[in-house]
Amino acid sequence: MSFLADLLGIVPCPAHARNDVDRLISELIRIGETEDYLSERPGGPFNVQCRHVRAIEIGKRLNEIGGKKLMEFTLRRVKKKLGKTIFAHLEYAWDDLGQWIP
């Protein structure tokens, strides 16, 4: 079902949250393009675990809106747009976040 839903552009979230979700996913992709989700050193936008703080905040919000299904959908979007390496970085940055367990 996820392949078909992705193909048709069906976002697994309530209709009233669609604009917010689209904005959050766009911001998350921009972070991946410009900063990455992981760093070798903490500081700036990265916490002591070297994970991007805003990417974690976005993950928490997506989890509140649509749970694991929306987070998985977002990861597929990131993978399609930015590739496997950045996808894996986001997956690791989201480790232990809400319902998310890679």
PDB file of N, CA and C in Angstrom:
ATOM      1  N   MET A   1       0.814  -1.198   0.000  1.00  0.00           N
ATOM      2  CA  MET A   1       0.000   0.000   0.000  1.00  0.00           C
ATOM      3  C   MET A   1       0.857   1.262   0.000  1.00  0.00           C
ATOM      4  N   SER A   2       2.006   1.271   0.696  1.00  0.00           N
ATOM      5  CA  SER A   2       2.806   2.486   0.781  1.00  0.00           C
ATOM      6  C   SER A   2       3.325   2.914  -0.590  1.00  0.00           C
ATOM      7  N   PHE A   3       3.690   1.950  -1.445  1.00  0.00           N
ATOM      8  CA  PHE A   3       4.153   2.292  -2.787  1.00  0.00           C
ATOM      9  C   PHE A   3       3.061   3.000  -3.570  1.00  0.00           C
ATOM     10  N   LEU A   4       1.876   2.439  -3.542  1.00  0.00           N
ATOM     11  CA  LEU A   4       0.749   3.026  -4.254  1.00  0.00           C
ATOM     12  C   LEU A   4       0.382   4.392  -3.676  1.00  0.00           C
ATOM     13  N   ALA A   5       0.376   4.482  -2.362  1.00  0.00           N
ATOM     14  CA  ALA A   5       0.070   5.757  -1.710  1.00  0.00           C
ATOM     15  C   ALA A   5       1.114   6.806  -2.088  1.00  0.00           C
ATOM     16  N   ASP A   6       2.384   6.419  -2.089  1.00  0.00           N
ATOM     17  CA  ASP A   6       3.449   7.351  -2.477  1.00  0.00           C
ATOM     18  C   ASP A   6       3.275   7.784  -3.931  1.00  0.00           C
ATOM     19  N   LEU A   7       2.973   6.820  -4.785  1.00  0.00           N
ATOM     20  CA  LEU A   7       2.795   7.089  -6.206  1.00  0.00           C
ATOM     21  C   LEU A   7       1.652   8.077  -6.437  1.00  0.00           C
ATOM     22  N   LEU A   8       0.592   7.921  -5.687  1.00  0.00           N
ATOM     23  CA  LEU A   8      -0.572   8.800  -5.824  1.00  0.00           C
ATOM     24  C   LEU A   8      -0.456  10.082  -5.007  1.00  0.00           C
ATOM     25  N   GLY A   9       0.616  10.191  -4.206  1.00  0.00           N
ATOM     26  CA  GLY A   9       0.819  11.380  -3.386  1.00  0.00           C
ATOM     27  C   GLY A   9      -0.095  11.461  -2.186  1.00  0.00           C
ATOM     28  N   ILE A  10      -0.523  10.316  -1.692  1.00  0.00           N
ATOM     29  CA  ILE A  10      -1.415  10.268  -0.536  1.00  0.00           C
ATOM     30  C   ILE A  10      -0.572  10.341   0.734  1.00  0.00           C
ATOM     31  N   VAL A  11      -0.700  11.428   1.450  1.00  0.00           N
ATOM     32  CA  VAL A  11       0.052  11.630   2.681  1.00  0.00           C
ATOM     33  C   VAL A  11      -0.776  11.071   3.838  1.00  0.00           C
ATOM     34  N   PRO A  12      -0.190  10.157   4.639  1.00  0.00           N
ATOM     35  CA  PRO A  12      -0.958   9.548   5.741  1.00  0.00           C
ATOM     36  C   PRO A  12      -1.106  10.483   6.943  1.00  0.00           C
ATOM     37  N   CYS A  13      -1.952  11.487   6.769  1.00  0.00           N
ATOM     38  CA  CYS A  13      -2.216  12.419   7.870  1.00  0.00           C
ATOM     39  C   CYS A  13      -3.617  12.976   7.714  1.00  0.00           C
ATOM     40  N   PRO A  14      -4.165  13.548   8.771  1.00  0.00           N
ATOM     41  CA  PRO A  14      -5.482  14.170   8.669  1.00  0.00           C
ATOM     42  C   PRO A  14      -5.451  15.320   7.657  1.00  0.00           C
ATOM     43  N   ALA A  15      -6.540  15.510   6.949  1.00  0.00           N
ATOM     44  CA  ALA A  15      -6.620  16.546   5.909  1.00  0.00           C
ATOM     45  C   ALA A  15      -6.282  17.933   6.444  1.00  0.00           C
ATOM     46  N   HIS A  16      -6.724  18.238   7.647  1.00  0.00           N
ATOM     47  CA  HIS A  16      -6.486  19.576   8.208  1.00  0.00           C
ATOM     48  C   HIS A  16      -5.016  19.846   8.492  1.00  0.00           C
ATOM     49  N   ALA A  17      -4.192  18.797   8.555  1.00  0.00           N
ATOM     50  CA  ALA A  17      -2.769  18.956   8.859  1.00  0.00           C
ATOM     51  C   ALA A  17      -1.886  18.897   7.612  1.00  0.00           C
ATOM     52  N   ARG A  18      -2.483  18.703   6.461  1.00  0.00           N
ATOM     53  CA  ARG A  18      -1.706  18.477   5.225  1.00  0.00           C
ATOM     54  C   ARG A  18      -0.729  19.615   4.921  1.00  0.00           C
ATOM     55  N   ASN A  19      -1.167  20.860   5.010  1.00  0.00           N
ATOM     56  CA  ASN A  19      -0.270  21.987   4.721  1.00  0.00           C
ATOM     57  C   ASN A  19       0.896  22.032   5.694  1.00  0.00           C
ATOM     58  N   ASP A  20       0.622  21.797   6.959  1.00  0.00           N
ATOM     59  CA  ASP A  20       1.670  21.777   7.974  1.00  0.00           C
ATOM     60  C   ASP A  20       2.667  20.648   7.695  1.00  0.00           C
ATOM     61  N   VAL A  21       2.161  19.476   7.353  1.00  0.00           N
ATOM     62  CA  VAL A  21       3.019  18.323   7.060  1.00  0.00           C
ATOM     63  C   VAL A  21       3.883  18.602   5.833  1.00  0.00           C
ATOM     64  N   ASP A  22       3.305  19.155   4.784  1.00  0.00           N
ATOM     65  CA  ASP A  22       4.075  19.480   3.580  1.00  0.00           C
ATOM     66  C   ASP A  22       5.194  20.461   3.908  1.00  0.00           C
ATOM     67  N   ARG A  23       4.891  21.458   4.714  1.00  0.00           N
ATOM     68  CA  ARG A  23       5.894  22.452   5.112  1.00  0.00           C
ATOM     69  C   ARG A  23       7.013  21.801   5.923  1.00  0.00           C
ATOM     70  N   LEU A  24       6.648  20.930   6.866  1.00  0.00           N
ATOM     71  CA  LEU A  24       7.650  20.255   7.698  1.00  0.00           C
ATOM     72  C   LEU A  24       8.548  19.336   6.866  1.00  0.00           C
ATOM     73  N   ILE A  25       7.966  18.613   5.936  1.00  0.00           N
ATOM     74  CA  ILE A  25       8.763  17.722   5.091  1.00  0.00           C
ATOM     75  C   ILE A  25       9.703  18.538   4.206  1.00  0.00           C
ATOM     76  N   SER A  26       9.231  19.637   3.677  1.00  0.00           N
ATOM     77  CA  SER A  26      10.087  20.509   2.863  1.00  0.00           C
ATOM     78  C   SER A  26      11.251  21.050   3.677  1.00  0.00           C
ATOM     79  N   GLU A  27      10.973  21.462   4.898  1.00  0.00           N
ATOM     80  CA  GLU A  27      12.036  21.964   5.772  1.00  0.00           C
ATOM     81  C   GLU A  27      13.039  20.854   6.086  1.00  0.00           C
ATOM     82  N   LEU A  28      12.539  19.670   6.338  1.00  0.00           N
ATOM     83  CA  LEU A  28      13.409  18.529   6.639  1.00  0.00           C
ATOM     84  C   LEU A  28      14.315  18.205   5.451  1.00  0.00           C
ATOM     85  N   ILE A  29      13.774  18.251   4.260  1.00  0.00           N
ATOM     86  CA  ILE A  29      14.587  18.002   3.061  1.00  0.00           C
ATOM     87  C   ILE A  29      15.634  19.101   2.889  1.00  0.00           C
ATOM     88  N   ARG A  30      15.260  20.345   3.138  1.00  0.00           N
ATOM     89  CA  ARG A  30      16.224  21.442   3.055  1.00  0.00           C
ATOM     90  C   ARG A  30      17.370  21.248   4.043  1.00  0.00           C
ATOM     91  N   ILE A  31      17.048  20.813   5.258  1.00  0.00           N
ATOM     92  CA  ILE A  31      18.085  20.544   6.254  1.00  0.00           C
ATOM     93  C   ILE A  31      19.036  19.459   5.745  1.00  0.00           C
ATOM     94  N   GLY A  32      18.476  18.399   5.189  1.00  0.00           N
ATOM     95  CA  GLY A  32      19.305  17.320   4.657  1.00  0.00           C
ATOM     96  C   GLY A  32      20.198  17.775   3.518  1.00  0.00           C
ATOM     97  N   GLU A  33      19.679  18.650   2.668  1.00  0.00           N
ATOM     98  CA  GLU A  33      20.450  19.164   1.529  1.00  0.00           C
ATOM     99  C   GLU A  33      21.574  20.091   1.966  1.00  0.00           C
ATOM    100  N   THR A  34      21.316  20.898   2.984  1.00  0.00           N
ATOM    101  CA  THR A  34      22.269  21.950   3.342  1.00  0.00           C
ATOM    102  C   THR A  34      23.144  21.646   4.548  1.00  0.00           C
ATOM    103  N   GLU A  35      22.635  20.870   5.496  1.00  0.00           N
ATOM    104  CA  GLU A  35      23.368  20.674   6.746  1.00  0.00           C
ATOM    105  C   GLU A  35      23.602  19.220   7.113  1.00  0.00           C
ATOM    106  N   ASP A  36      22.799  18.301   6.614  1.00  0.00           N
ATOM    107  CA  ASP A  36      22.787  16.885   6.996  1.00  0.00           C
ATOM    108  C   ASP A  36      22.054  16.749   8.334  1.00  0.00           C
ATOM    109  N   TYR A  37      21.771  15.542   8.719  1.00  0.00           N
ATOM    110  CA  TYR A  37      21.050  15.275   9.967  1.00  0.00           C
ATOM    111  C   TYR A  37      21.993  14.842  11.078  1.00  0.00           C
ATOM    112  N   LEU A  38      23.236  14.531  10.710  1.00  0.00           N
ATOM    113  CA  LEU A  38      24.251  14.122  11.664  1.00  0.00           C
ATOM    114  C   LEU A  38      25.503  14.952  11.454  1.00  0.00           C
ATOM    115  N   SER A  39      26.295  15.065  12.503  1.00  0.00           N
ATOM    116  CA  SER A  39      27.558  15.799  12.436  1.00  0.00           C
ATOM    117  C   SER A  39      28.638  14.986  13.136  1.00  0.00           C
ATOM    118  N   GLU A  40      29.866  15.323  12.865  1.00  0.00           N
ATOM    119  CA  GLU A  40      30.977  14.676  13.570  1.00  0.00           C
ATOM    120  C   GLU A  40      31.191  15.291  14.943  1.00  0.00           C
ATOM    121  N   ARG A  41      30.703  16.542  15.111  1.00  0.00           N
ATOM    122  CA  ARG A  41      30.870  17.244  16.377  1.00  0.00           C
ATOM    123  C   ARG A  41      29.571  17.909  16.807  1.00  0.00           C
ATOM    124  N   PRO A  42      29.316  17.983  18.099  1.00  0.00           N
ATOM    125  CA  PRO A  42      28.137  18.720  18.570  1.00  0.00           C
ATOM    126  C   PRO A  42      28.369  20.225  18.427  1.00  0.00           C
ATOM    127  N   GLY A  43      27.302  20.956  18.542  1.00  0.00           N
ATOM    128  CA  GLY A  43      27.392  22.417  18.478  1.00  0.00           C
ATOM    129  C   GLY A  43      26.563  22.957  17.332  1.00  0.00           C
ATOM    130  N   GLY A  44      26.251  24.241  17.407  1.00  0.00           N
ATOM    131  CA  GLY A  44      25.404  24.857  16.389  1.00  0.00           C
ATOM    132  C   GLY A  44      24.057  24.162  16.366  1.00  0.00           C
ATOM    133  N   PRO A  45      23.630  23.679  15.206  1.00  0.00           N
ATOM    134  CA  PRO A  45      22.318  23.035  15.138  1.00  0.00           C
ATOM    135  C   PRO A  45      22.322  21.577  15.605  1.00  0.00           C
ATOM    136  N   PHE A  46      23.466  21.073  16.085  1.00  0.00           N
ATOM    137  CA  PHE A  46      23.581  19.667  16.471  1.00  0.00           C
ATOM    138  C   PHE A  46      23.708  19.524  17.987  1.00  0.00           C
ATOM    139  N   ASN A  47      22.963  18.555  18.536  1.00  0.00           N
ATOM    140  CA  ASN A  47      22.980  18.325  19.982  1.00  0.00           C
ATOM    141  C   ASN A  47      24.235  17.555  20.401  1.00  0.00           C
ATOM    142  N   VAL A  48      24.318  17.178  21.672  1.00  0.00           N
ATOM    143  CA  VAL A  48      25.505  16.484  22.174  1.00  0.00           C
ATOM    144  C   VAL A  48      25.679  15.104  21.558  1.00  0.00           C
ATOM    145  N   GLN A  49      24.609  14.554  20.989  1.00  0.00           N
ATOM    146  CA  GLN A  49      24.695  13.271  20.293  1.00  0.00           C
ATOM    147  C   GLN A  49      24.983  13.463  18.802  1.00  0.00           C
ATOM    148  N   CYS A  50      25.270  14.713  18.408  1.00  0.00           N
ATOM    149  CA  CYS A  50      25.606  15.070  17.021  1.00  0.00           C
ATOM    150  C   CYS A  50      24.438  14.867  16.064  1.00  0.00           C
ATOM    151  N   ARG A  51      23.219  15.006  16.578  1.00  0.00           N
ATOM    152  CA  ARG A  51      22.008  14.892  15.772  1.00  0.00           C
ATOM    153  C   ARG A  51      21.397  16.279  15.603  1.00  0.00           C
ATOM    154  N   HIS A  52      20.862  16.549  14.436  1.00  0.00           N
ATOM    155  CA  HIS A  52      20.308  17.866  14.135  1.00  0.00           C
ATOM    156  C   HIS A  52      19.057  18.114  14.981  1.00  0.00           C
ATOM    157  N   VAL A  53      19.104  19.160  15.780  1.00  0.00           N
ATOM    158  CA  VAL A  53      18.040  19.462  16.741  1.00  0.00           C
ATOM    159  C   VAL A  53      16.708  19.732  16.037  1.00  0.00           C
ATOM    160  N   ARG A  54      16.711  20.537  14.983  1.00  0.00           N
ATOM    161  CA  ARG A  54      15.457  20.862  14.298  1.00  0.00           C
ATOM    162  C   ARG A  54      14.877  19.634  13.602  1.00  0.00           C
ATOM    163  N   ALA A  55      15.734  18.774  13.058  1.00  0.00           N
ATOM    164  CA  ALA A  55      15.243  17.540  12.427  1.00  0.00           C
ATOM    165  C   ALA A  55      14.531  16.665  13.459  1.00  0.00           C
ATOM    166  N   ILE A  56      15.039  16.635  14.674  1.00  0.00           N
ATOM    167  CA  ILE A  56      14.402  15.870  15.751  1.00  0.00           C
ATOM    168  C   ILE A  56      13.060  16.508  16.118  1.00  0.00           C
ATOM    169  N   GLU A  57      13.028  17.832  16.209  1.00  0.00           N
ATOM    170  CA  GLU A  57      11.767  18.522  16.511  1.00  0.00           C
ATOM    171  C   GLU A  57      10.718  18.234  15.443  1.00  0.00           C
ATOM    172  N   ILE A  58      11.146  18.251  14.190  1.00  0.00           N
ATOM    173  CA  ILE A  58      10.217  17.962  13.091  1.00  0.00           C
ATOM    174  C   ILE A  58       9.712  16.521  13.209  1.00  0.00           C
ATOM    175  N   GLY A  59      10.604  15.593  13.507  1.00  0.00           N
ATOM    176  CA  GLY A  59      10.203  14.195  13.686  1.00  0.00           C
ATOM    177  C   GLY A  59       9.179  14.036  14.796  1.00  0.00           C
ATOM    178  N   LYS A  60       9.382  14.741  15.896  1.00  0.00           N
ATOM    179  CA  LYS A  60       8.420  14.685  17.008  1.00  0.00           C
ATOM    180  C   LYS A  60       7.053  15.209  16.570  1.00  0.00           C
ATOM    181  N   ARG A  61       7.059  16.296  15.822  1.00  0.00           N
ATOM    182  CA  ARG A  61       5.787  16.874  15.369  1.00  0.00           C
ATOM    183  C   ARG A  61       5.089  15.947  14.382  1.00  0.00           C
ATOM    184  N   LEU A  62       5.853  15.367  13.446  1.00  0.00           N
ATOM    185  CA  LEU A  62       5.261  14.428  12.501  1.00  0.00           C
ATOM    186  C   LEU A  62       4.678  13.221  13.225  1.00  0.00           C
ATOM    187  N   ASN A  63       5.354  12.763  14.265  1.00  0.00           N
ATOM    188  CA  ASN A  63       4.853  11.646  15.064  1.00  0.00           C
ATOM    189  C   ASN A  63       3.532  12.022  15.745  1.00  0.00           C
ATOM    190  N   GLU A  64       3.445  13.251  16.265  1.00  0.00           N
ATOM    191  CA  GLU A  64       2.206  13.710  16.895  1.00  0.00           C
ATOM    192  C   GLU A  64       1.057  13.753  15.886  1.00  0.00           C
ATOM    193  N   ILE A  65       1.367  14.170  14.671  1.00  0.00           N
ATOM    194  CA  ILE A  65       0.326  14.322  13.648  1.00  0.00           C
ATOM    195  C   ILE A  65      -0.123  12.987  13.083  1.00  0.00           C
ATOM    196  N   GLY A  66       0.830  12.125  12.722  1.00  0.00           N
ATOM    197  CA  GLY A  66       0.462  10.904  11.996  1.00  0.00           C
ATOM    198  C   GLY A  66       1.176   9.640  12.421  1.00  0.00           C
ATOM    199  N   GLY A  67       1.913   9.696  13.512  1.00  0.00           N
ATOM    200  CA  GLY A  67       2.565   8.497  14.039  1.00  0.00           C
ATOM    201  C   GLY A  67       3.611   7.905  13.109  1.00  0.00           C
ATOM    202  N   LYS A  68       3.838   6.643  13.315  1.00  0.00           N
ATOM    203  CA  LYS A  68       4.893   5.930  12.590  1.00  0.00           C
ATOM    204  C   LYS A  68       4.647   5.926  11.076  1.00  0.00           C
ATOM    205  N   LYS A  69       3.396   5.824  10.652  1.00  0.00           N
ATOM    206  CA  LYS A  69       3.103   5.809   9.205  1.00  0.00           C
ATOM    207  C   LYS A  69       3.556   7.098   8.531  1.00  0.00           C
ATOM    208  N   LEU A  70       3.303   8.219   9.168  1.00  0.00           N
ATOM    209  CA  LEU A  70       3.727   9.491   8.587  1.00  0.00           C
ATOM    210  C   LEU A  70       5.245   9.621   8.618  1.00  0.00           C
ATOM    211  N   MET A  71       5.867   9.141   9.668  1.00  0.00           N
ATOM    212  CA  MET A  71       7.330   9.189   9.740  1.00  0.00           C
ATOM    213  C   MET A  71       7.954   8.303   8.656  1.00  0.00           C
ATOM    214  N   GLU A  72       7.392   7.130   8.428  1.00  0.00           N
ATOM    215  CA  GLU A  72       7.887   6.246   7.367  1.00  0.00           C
ATOM    216  C   GLU A  72       7.692   6.896   5.996  1.00  0.00           C
ATOM    217  N   PHE A  73       6.545   7.509   5.789  1.00  0.00           N
ATOM    218  CA  PHE A  73       6.271   8.223   4.545  1.00  0.00           C
ATOM    219  C   PHE A  73       7.325   9.309   4.325  1.00  0.00           C
ATOM    220  N   THR A  74       7.620  10.064   5.373  1.00  0.00           N
ATOM    221  CA  THR A  74       8.613  11.135   5.292  1.00  0.00           C
ATOM    222  C   THR A  74       9.988  10.578   4.954  1.00  0.00           C
ATOM    223  N   LEU A  75      10.363   9.491   5.589  1.00  0.00           N
ATOM    224  CA  LEU A  75      11.655   8.875   5.281  1.00  0.00           C
ATOM    225  C   LEU A  75      11.737   8.446   3.818  1.00  0.00           C
ATOM    226  N   ARG A  76      10.663   7.891   3.284  1.00  0.00           N
ATOM    227  CA  ARG A  76      10.662   7.496   1.869  1.00  0.00           C
ATOM    228  C   ARG A  76      10.835   8.723   0.970  1.00  0.00           C
ATOM    229  N   ARG A  77      10.208   9.830   1.342  1.00  0.00           N
ATOM    230  CA  ARG A  77      10.357  11.076   0.577  1.00  0.00           C
ATOM    231  C   ARG A  77      11.812  11.562   0.616  1.00  0.00           C
ATOM    232  N   VAL A  78      12.406  11.508   1.799  1.00  0.00           N
ATOM    233  CA  VAL A  78      13.803  11.933   1.953  1.00  0.00           C
ATOM    234  C   VAL A  78      14.712  11.029   1.127  1.00  0.00           C
ATOM    235  N   LYS A  79      14.486   9.733   1.203  1.00  0.00           N
ATOM    236  CA  LYS A  79      15.313   8.782   0.453  1.00  0.00           C
ATOM    237  C   LYS A  79      15.207   9.037  -1.047  1.00  0.00           C
ATOM    238  N   LYS A  80      13.996   9.263  -1.523  1.00  0.00           N
ATOM    239  CA  LYS A  80      13.784   9.511  -2.952  1.00  0.00           C
ATOM    240  C   LYS A  80      14.472  10.803  -3.389  1.00  0.00           C
ATOM    241  N   LYS A  81      14.400  11.829  -2.561  1.00  0.00           N
ATOM    242  CA  LYS A  81      14.937  13.147  -2.917  1.00  0.00           C
ATOM    243  C   LYS A  81      16.446  13.249  -2.691  1.00  0.00           C
ATOM    244  N   LEU A  82      16.954  12.652  -1.597  1.00  0.00           N
ATOM    245  CA  LEU A  82      18.342  12.883  -1.199  1.00  0.00           C
ATOM    246  C   LEU A  82      19.241  11.657  -1.234  1.00  0.00           C
ATOM    247  N   GLY A  83      18.674  10.469  -1.388  1.00  0.00           N
ATOM    248  CA  GLY A  83      19.487   9.268  -1.485  1.00  0.00           C
ATOM    249  C   GLY A  83      19.595   8.479  -0.191  1.00  0.00           C
ATOM    250  N   LYS A  84      20.219   7.308  -0.318  1.00  0.00           N
ATOM    251  CA  LYS A  84      20.282   6.343   0.785  1.00  0.00           C
ATOM    252  C   LYS A  84      21.111   6.821   1.969  1.00  0.00           C
ATOM    253  N   THR A  85      22.214   7.509   1.719  1.00  0.00           N
ATOM    254  CA  THR A  85      23.088   7.922   2.824  1.00  0.00           C
ATOM    255  C   THR A  85      22.384   8.919   3.731  1.00  0.00           C
ATOM    256  N   ILE A  86      21.807   9.959   3.143  1.00  0.00           N
ATOM    257  CA  ILE A  86      21.101  10.963   3.944  1.00  0.00           C
ATOM    258  C   ILE A  86      19.884  10.341   4.621  1.00  0.00           C
ATOM    259  N   PHE A  87      19.198   9.450   3.924  1.00  0.00           N
ATOM    260  CA  PHE A  87      18.084   8.699   4.501  1.00  0.00           C
ATOM    261  C   PHE A  87      18.533   7.981   5.775  1.00  0.00           C
ATOM    262  N   ALA A  88      19.668   7.295   5.703  1.00  0.00           N
ATOM    263  CA  ALA A  88      20.183   6.564   6.860  1.00  0.00           C
ATOM    264  C   ALA A  88      20.550   7.514   7.995  1.00  0.00           C
ATOM    265  N   HIS A  89      21.045   8.691   7.658  1.00  0.00           N
ATOM    266  CA  HIS A  89      21.377   9.680   8.696  1.00  0.00           C
ATOM    267  C   HIS A  89      20.123  10.142   9.424  1.00  0.00           C
ATOM    268  N   LEU A  90      19.054  10.387   8.668  1.00  0.00           N
ATOM    269  CA  LEU A  90      17.802  10.802   9.310  1.00  0.00           C
ATOM    270  C   LEU A  90      17.231   9.675  10.152  1.00  0.00           C
ATOM    271  N   GLU A  91      17.281   8.477   9.631  1.00  0.00           N
ATOM    272  CA  GLU A  91      16.794   7.319  10.386  1.00  0.00           C
ATOM    273  C   GLU A  91      17.522   7.212  11.727  1.00  0.00           C
ATOM    274  N   TYR A  92      18.823   7.420  11.725  1.00  0.00           N
ATOM    275  CA  TYR A  92      19.609   7.366  12.965  1.00  0.00           C
ATOM    276  C   TYR A  92      19.288   8.558  13.874  1.00  0.00           C
ATOM    277  N   ALA A  93      19.136   9.740  13.279  1.00  0.00           N
ATOM    278  CA  ALA A  93      18.821  10.931  14.078  1.00  0.00           C
ATOM    279  C   ALA A  93      17.489  10.769  14.800  1.00  0.00           C
ATOM    280  N   TRP A  94      16.564  10.038  14.174  1.00  0.00           N
ATOM    281  CA  TRP A  94      15.243   9.815  14.764  1.00  0.00           C
ATOM    282  C   TRP A  94      15.204   8.609  15.695  1.00  0.00           C
ATOM    283  N   ASP A  95      16.299   7.931  15.890  1.00  0.00           N
ATOM    284  CA  ASP A  95      16.335   6.743  16.750  1.00  0.00           C
ATOM    285  C   ASP A  95      15.722   7.072  18.114  1.00  0.00           C
ATOM    286  N   ASP A  96      14.831   6.221  18.594  1.00  0.00           N
ATOM    287  CA  ASP A  96      14.158   6.376  19.895  1.00  0.00           C
ATOM    288  C   ASP A  96      13.210   7.570  19.966  1.00  0.00           C
ATOM    289  N   LEU A  97      12.719   8.034  18.838  1.00  0.00           N
ATOM    290  CA  LEU A  97      11.832   9.193  18.802  1.00  0.00           C
ATOM    291  C   LEU A  97      10.389   8.726  18.703  1.00  0.00           C
ATOM    292  N   GLY A  98       9.606   9.016  19.700  1.00  0.00           N
ATOM    293  CA  GLY A  98       8.181   8.659  19.672  1.00  0.00           C
ATOM    294  C   GLY A  98       7.960   7.187  19.393  1.00  0.00           C
ATOM    295  N   GLN A  99       7.165   6.916  18.374  1.00  0.00           N
ATOM    296  CA  GLN A  99       6.876   5.543  17.989  1.00  0.00           C
ATOM    297  C   GLN A  99       7.953   4.997  17.052  1.00  0.00           C
ATOM    298  N   TRP A 100       8.917   5.835  16.721  1.00  0.00           N
ATOM    299  CA  TRP A 100       9.909   5.461  15.705  1.00  0.00           C
ATOM    300  C   TRP A 100      10.975   4.533  16.254  1.00  0.00           C
ATOM    301  N   ILE A 101      11.056   3.369  15.699  1.00  0.00           N
ATOM    302  CA  ILE A 101      12.126   2.417  15.993  1.00  0.00           C
ATOM    303  C   ILE A 101      12.532   1.810  14.661  1.00  0.00           C
ATOM    304  N   PRO A 102      13.697   2.233  14.115  1.00  0.00           N
ATOM    305  CA  PRO A 102      14.089   1.739  12.791  1.00  0.00           C
ATOM    306  C   PRO A 102      14.329   0.248  12.768  1.00  0.00           C
TER     307      PRO A 102
END
